[in-house]
Amino acid sequence: MTSQPIQKYLDLIRSYIDRKISTKEFEREYLLMFKGDKEGVSEKAFLILDRLFSDVDCYTDILPLGKWDISEEQLREAAKKAYLTLGKGE
């Protein structure tokens, strides 16, 4: 069973992967959730979520992409990877 602090991230990421929310909505909600998280998660989960935070921070819809920028497709793939890794257990 997934811990409650992780479940909120899984729910948000799943909504994004399933295209129930836009990339801009995901970006806004994820950044707010991660920056404001007071519950704390395991070190393993934090490293996964922190990596996704970096990916979200690098996302842009402005073309051409810069050296550190990632596209919507790349962000969605990063979210899928984080979701699968987090879902394997905290």
C-alpha atoms as a PDB file:
ATOM      1  CA  MET A   1       0.000   0.000   0.000  1.00  0.00           C
ATOM      2  CA  THR A   2       1.238   3.479  -0.879  1.00  0.00           C
ATOM      3  CA  SER A   3       1.720   6.025   1.889  1.00  0.00           C
ATOM      4  CA  GLN A   4      -0.624   9.011   2.027  1.00  0.00           C
ATOM      5  CA  PRO A   5       2.092  11.634   1.329  1.00  0.00           C
ATOM      6  CA  ILE A   6       3.013   9.778  -1.873  1.00  0.00           C
ATOM      7  CA  GLN A   7      -0.578   9.102  -2.929  1.00  0.00           C
ATOM      8  CA  LYS A   8      -1.301  12.776  -3.598  1.00  0.00           C
ATOM      9  CA  TYR A   9       1.662  12.873  -5.987  1.00  0.00           C
ATOM     10  CA  LEU A  10       0.582   9.650  -7.673  1.00  0.00           C
ATOM     11  CA  ASP A  11      -2.943  11.023  -8.143  1.00  0.00           C
ATOM     12  CA  LEU A  12      -1.677  14.254  -9.699  1.00  0.00           C
ATOM     13  CA  ILE A  13       0.833  12.503 -11.940  1.00  0.00           C
ATOM     14  CA  ARG A  14      -1.794   9.960 -13.055  1.00  0.00           C
ATOM     15  CA  SER A  15      -4.171  12.788 -13.975  1.00  0.00           C
ATOM     16  CA  TYR A  16      -1.449  14.253 -16.151  1.00  0.00           C
ATOM     17  CA  ILE A  17      -0.437  10.970 -17.751  1.00  0.00           C
ATOM     18  CA  ASP A  18      -4.116  10.254 -18.532  1.00  0.00           C
ATOM     19  CA  ARG A  19      -4.443  13.758 -20.029  1.00  0.00           C
ATOM     20  CA  LYS A  20      -7.175  14.737 -17.578  1.00  0.00           C
ATOM     21  CA  ILE A  21      -5.221  17.920 -16.856  1.00  0.00           C
ATOM     22  CA  SER A  22      -3.078  20.032 -19.162  1.00  0.00           C
ATOM     23  CA  THR A  23       0.671  20.337 -18.981  1.00  0.00           C
ATOM     24  CA  LYS A  24       0.330  23.887 -17.658  1.00  0.00           C
ATOM     25  CA  GLU A  25      -2.061  22.689 -14.916  1.00  0.00           C
ATOM     26  CA  PHE A  26       0.293  19.873 -14.005  1.00  0.00           C
ATOM     27  CA  GLU A  27       3.261  22.224 -13.943  1.00  0.00           C
ATOM     28  CA  ARG A  28       1.480  24.679 -11.644  1.00  0.00           C
ATOM     29  CA  GLU A  29       0.023  22.049  -9.309  1.00  0.00           C
ATOM     30  CA  TYR A  30       3.169  19.954  -9.069  1.00  0.00           C
ATOM     31  CA  LEU A  31       5.426  22.905  -8.279  1.00  0.00           C
ATOM     32  CA  LEU A  32       3.011  24.136  -5.600  1.00  0.00           C
ATOM     33  CA  MET A  33       2.630  20.659  -4.112  1.00  0.00           C
ATOM     34  CA  PHE A  34       6.341  19.894  -4.031  1.00  0.00           C
ATOM     35  CA  LYS A  35       7.441  23.279  -2.691  1.00  0.00           C
ATOM     36  CA  GLY A  36       4.711  23.332  -0.050  1.00  0.00           C
ATOM     37  CA  ASP A  37       4.980  19.714   1.080  1.00  0.00           C
ATOM     38  CA  LYS A  38       5.204  19.648   4.862  1.00  0.00           C
ATOM     39  CA  GLU A  39       4.439  15.935   5.365  1.00  0.00           C
ATOM     40  CA  GLY A  40       7.755  14.597   4.214  1.00  0.00           C
ATOM     41  CA  VAL A  41       8.457  11.428   2.283  1.00  0.00           C
ATOM     42  CA  SER A  42      11.138   8.775   2.348  1.00  0.00           C
ATOM     43  CA  GLU A  43      14.543   9.619   0.922  1.00  0.00           C
ATOM     44  CA  LYS A  44      13.943   7.286  -2.025  1.00  0.00           C
ATOM     45  CA  ALA A  45      10.621   8.944  -2.853  1.00  0.00           C
ATOM     46  CA  PHE A  46      12.100  12.412  -2.388  1.00  0.00           C
ATOM     47  CA  LEU A  47      14.823  11.700  -4.940  1.00  0.00           C
ATOM     48  CA  ILE A  48      12.232  10.565  -7.489  1.00  0.00           C
ATOM     49  CA  LEU A  49       9.978  13.565  -6.818  1.00  0.00           C
ATOM     50  CA  ASP A  50      12.930  15.956  -6.852  1.00  0.00           C
ATOM     51  CA  ARG A  51      14.011  14.645 -10.263  1.00  0.00           C
ATOM     52  CA  LEU A  52      10.487  15.211 -11.571  1.00  0.00           C
ATOM     53  CA  PHE A  53      10.569  18.696 -10.029  1.00  0.00           C
ATOM     54  CA  SER A  54      13.686  19.422 -12.099  1.00  0.00           C
ATOM     55  CA  ASP A  55      11.970  18.099 -15.215  1.00  0.00           C
ATOM     56  CA  VAL A  56       8.896  20.238 -14.567  1.00  0.00           C
ATOM     57  CA  ASP A  57      11.143  23.249 -14.035  1.00  0.00           C
ATOM     58  CA  CYS A  58      12.863  22.594 -17.388  1.00  0.00           C
ATOM     59  CA  TYR A  59       9.581  22.272 -19.301  1.00  0.00           C
ATOM     60  CA  THR A  60       8.760  24.948 -21.854  1.00  0.00           C
ATOM     61  CA  ASP A  61       6.364  25.276 -24.759  1.00  0.00           C
ATOM     62  CA  ILE A  62       8.561  27.874 -26.459  1.00  0.00           C
ATOM     63  CA  LEU A  63      10.384  26.643 -29.543  1.00  0.00           C
ATOM     64  CA  PRO A  64      13.131  26.099 -30.335  1.00  0.00           C
ATOM     65  CA  LEU A  65      14.043  24.370 -27.104  1.00  0.00           C
ATOM     66  CA  GLY A  66      17.107  25.643 -25.325  1.00  0.00           C
ATOM     67  CA  LYS A  67      19.939  23.466 -24.081  1.00  0.00           C
ATOM     68  CA  TRP A  68      18.231  22.658 -20.758  1.00  0.00           C
ATOM     69  CA  ASP A  69      14.603  22.808 -21.910  1.00  0.00           C
ATOM     70  CA  ILE A  70      12.312  19.827 -22.332  1.00  0.00           C
ATOM     71  CA  SER A  71       9.153  19.475 -24.397  1.00  0.00           C
ATOM     72  CA  GLU A  72       5.676  18.425 -23.300  1.00  0.00           C
ATOM     73  CA  GLU A  73       6.305  14.928 -24.653  1.00  0.00           C
ATOM     74  CA  GLN A  74       9.546  14.649 -22.669  1.00  0.00           C
ATOM     75  CA  LEU A  75       7.822  15.889 -19.510  1.00  0.00           C
ATOM     76  CA  ARG A  76       5.012  13.370 -19.925  1.00  0.00           C
ATOM     77  CA  GLU A  77       7.609  10.581 -20.283  1.00  0.00           C
ATOM     78  CA  ALA A  78       9.419  11.794 -17.157  1.00  0.00           C
ATOM     79  CA  ALA A  79       6.094  11.818 -15.290  1.00  0.00           C
ATOM     80  CA  LYS A  80       5.355   8.249 -16.434  1.00  0.00           C
ATOM     81  CA  LYS A  81       8.766   7.098 -15.245  1.00  0.00           C
ATOM     82  CA  ALA A  82       8.302   8.775 -11.857  1.00  0.00           C
ATOM     83  CA  TYR A  83       4.805   7.336 -11.530  1.00  0.00           C
ATOM     84  CA  LEU A  84       5.965   3.804 -12.237  1.00  0.00           C
ATOM     85  CA  THR A  85       8.941   4.089  -9.921  1.00  0.00           C
ATOM     86  CA  LEU A  86       6.904   5.582  -7.063  1.00  0.00           C
ATOM     87  CA  GLY A  87       4.155   3.028  -7.601  1.00  0.00           C
ATOM     88  CA  LYS A  88       6.595   0.191  -6.938  1.00  0.00           C
ATOM     89  CA  GLY A  89       6.579   1.210  -3.316  1.00  0.00           C
ATOM     90  CA  GLU A  90       8.032   3.878  -1.172  1.00  0.00           C
END
